[in-house]
Structures are given as C-alpha cells and as structure tokens.
Amino acid sequence: MKIFLISSTFATVIALVAFYILTSTGMDTASVYSSVNVRL
C-alpha cells in the first residue's frame, strides 16, 4: 500500500511539473488538453 501511495504521488508531481512546463512555454490549457486526448 505504501508503494502505491508513493508511486501515485510521484506520478501526480510529474504530471503537475509537465503541465507547468507546457503552460509556461506558451501553450494554453486548451492545446494541452487536446494533446493529452490525442495521446490517449
């Protein structure tokens, strides 16, 4: 259970960092969401 909590927290942090990098480089939230949907 502890490993699951650590991995989920780690994945959330990575997602937030990637989202911050994308938005700070000039992409708005709409293009970020559309690229995520295309990838999925």
Protein backbone atom coordinates (compact mmCIF):
# COMPACT_ATOMS: atom_id res chain seq x y z
CA MET A 1 0.00 0.00 0.00
CA LYS A 2 2.80 2.39 0.83
CA ILE A 3 4.44 1.72 -2.55
CA PHE A 4 1.15 2.50 -4.29
CA LEU A 5 0.80 5.80 -2.42
CA ILE A 6 4.38 6.80 -3.20
CA SER A 7 4.06 5.94 -6.90
CA SER A 8 0.73 7.76 -7.27
CA THR A 9 2.11 10.84 -5.53
CA PHE A 10 5.20 10.70 -7.75
CA ALA A 11 3.07 10.43 -10.90
CA THR A 12 0.94 13.38 -9.79
CA VAL A 13 4.02 15.52 -9.18
CA ILE A 14 5.43 14.61 -12.60
CA ALA A 15 2.11 15.48 -14.25
CA LEU A 16 1.96 18.85 -12.49
CA VAL A 17 5.55 19.66 -13.48
CA ALA A 18 4.91 18.69 -17.11
CA PHE A 19 1.71 20.75 -17.13
CA TYR A 20 3.54 23.76 -15.68
CA ILE A 21 6.34 23.45 -18.26
CA LEU A 22 3.85 23.23 -21.14
CA THR A 23 1.85 26.23 -19.97
CA SER A 24 4.94 28.30 -19.22
CA THR A 25 6.35 27.68 -22.70
CA GLY A 26 3.33 29.38 -24.23
CA MET A 27 0.78 26.63 -24.71
CA ASP A 28 -2.64 27.41 -23.29
CA THR A 29 -4.73 24.87 -21.40
CA ALA A 30 -6.92 24.07 -24.41
CA SER A 31 -3.98 22.89 -26.54
CA VAL A 32 -2.54 20.96 -23.60
CA TYR A 33 -5.83 19.13 -23.04
CA SER A 34 -6.23 18.39 -26.74
CA SER A 35 -2.70 16.98 -26.99
CA VAL A 36 -3.35 14.79 -23.95
CA ASN A 37 -6.57 13.50 -25.51
CA VAL A 38 -4.79 12.76 -28.79
CA ARG A 39 -2.07 10.85 -26.93
CA LEU A 40 -4.62 8.77 -25.04
